[in-house]
Protein backbone atom coordinates (compact mmCIF):
# COMPACT_ATOMS: atom_id res chain seq x y z
CA MET A 1 24.72 -34.48 8.40
CA LYS A 2 24.52 -30.95 7.16
CA LYS A 3 26.94 -28.33 8.32
CA ALA A 4 25.21 -25.49 10.39
CA LYS A 5 24.93 -22.27 8.49
CA LYS A 6 27.00 -19.49 9.88
CA GLN A 7 24.75 -16.72 11.31
CA VAL A 8 25.30 -13.26 9.81
CA PHE A 9 25.21 -10.47 12.28
CA SER A 10 22.11 -8.22 11.83
CA ALA A 11 22.21 -4.84 13.70
CA VAL A 12 18.33 -4.69 13.54
CA LYS A 13 17.87 -8.10 15.15
CA ALA A 14 20.47 -7.25 17.93
CA VAL A 15 18.67 -3.91 18.71
CA LYS A 16 15.22 -5.52 18.88
CA SER A 17 16.52 -8.37 21.12
CA ASN A 18 18.15 -5.90 23.40
CA ALA A 19 14.97 -3.84 23.57
CA ARG A 20 12.83 -7.00 24.35
CA ASP A 21 15.28 -7.91 27.16
CA ARG A 22 14.99 -4.43 28.82
CA VAL A 23 11.37 -3.62 28.21
CA GLY A 24 9.65 -6.80 27.52
CA THR A 25 7.70 -8.15 24.62
CA PRO A 26 5.18 -5.81 22.98
CA PRO A 27 1.59 -6.30 23.65
CA PRO A 28 -0.40 -8.35 20.99
CA GLU A 29 -2.12 -6.25 18.46
CA ARG A 30 -5.63 -5.11 19.10
CA VAL A 31 -8.25 -5.44 16.36
CA LEU A 32 -10.08 -2.21 15.66
CA PRO A 33 -13.97 -2.63 15.59
CA ASP A 34 -15.53 -2.36 12.21
CA PRO A 35 -17.27 1.18 11.92
CA LYS A 36 -20.21 -0.43 9.97
CA GLN A 37 -20.87 -2.97 12.75
CA LYS A 38 -20.47 -0.17 15.43
CA ARG A 39 -23.13 2.00 13.55
CA THR A 40 -25.58 -0.83 13.38
CA ALA A 41 -25.26 -1.51 17.15
CA ASN A 42 -25.90 2.09 17.94
CA PRO A 43 -28.70 3.40 15.80
CA LYS A 44 -28.42 7.14 14.65
CA HIS A 45 -31.95 8.09 15.80
CA LYS A 46 -33.82 6.99 18.88
CA GLU A 47 -37.25 5.35 18.49
CA THR A 48 -40.18 7.57 18.57
CA LEU A 49 -42.68 7.47 21.49
CA ALA A 50 -45.29 6.04 19.33
CA ALA A 51 -43.12 3.15 18.16
CA LEU A 52 -42.17 2.34 21.79
CA ILE A 53 -45.78 2.37 22.89
CA SER A 54 -46.80 0.01 20.07
CA LYS A 55 -43.99 -2.38 20.94
CA THR A 56 -44.97 -2.66 24.44
CA GLY A 57 -48.62 -2.99 23.52
CA GLU A 58 -47.80 -6.03 21.32
CA GLU A 59 -45.70 -7.83 23.96
CA ALA A 60 -48.39 -7.68 26.74
């Protein structure tokens, strides 16, 4: 049976642990949306009236 390794004191870990006890755990990270995907979802220019009329005519 192996002997347990002695834990070395770390001030950083102690401070983080104390902060977690007082404030709580930090929220999980949020992924920022990709600007290229955002651009394709919202086109830069609106469709022209002629394009809209031709689309509605094809569907009917």
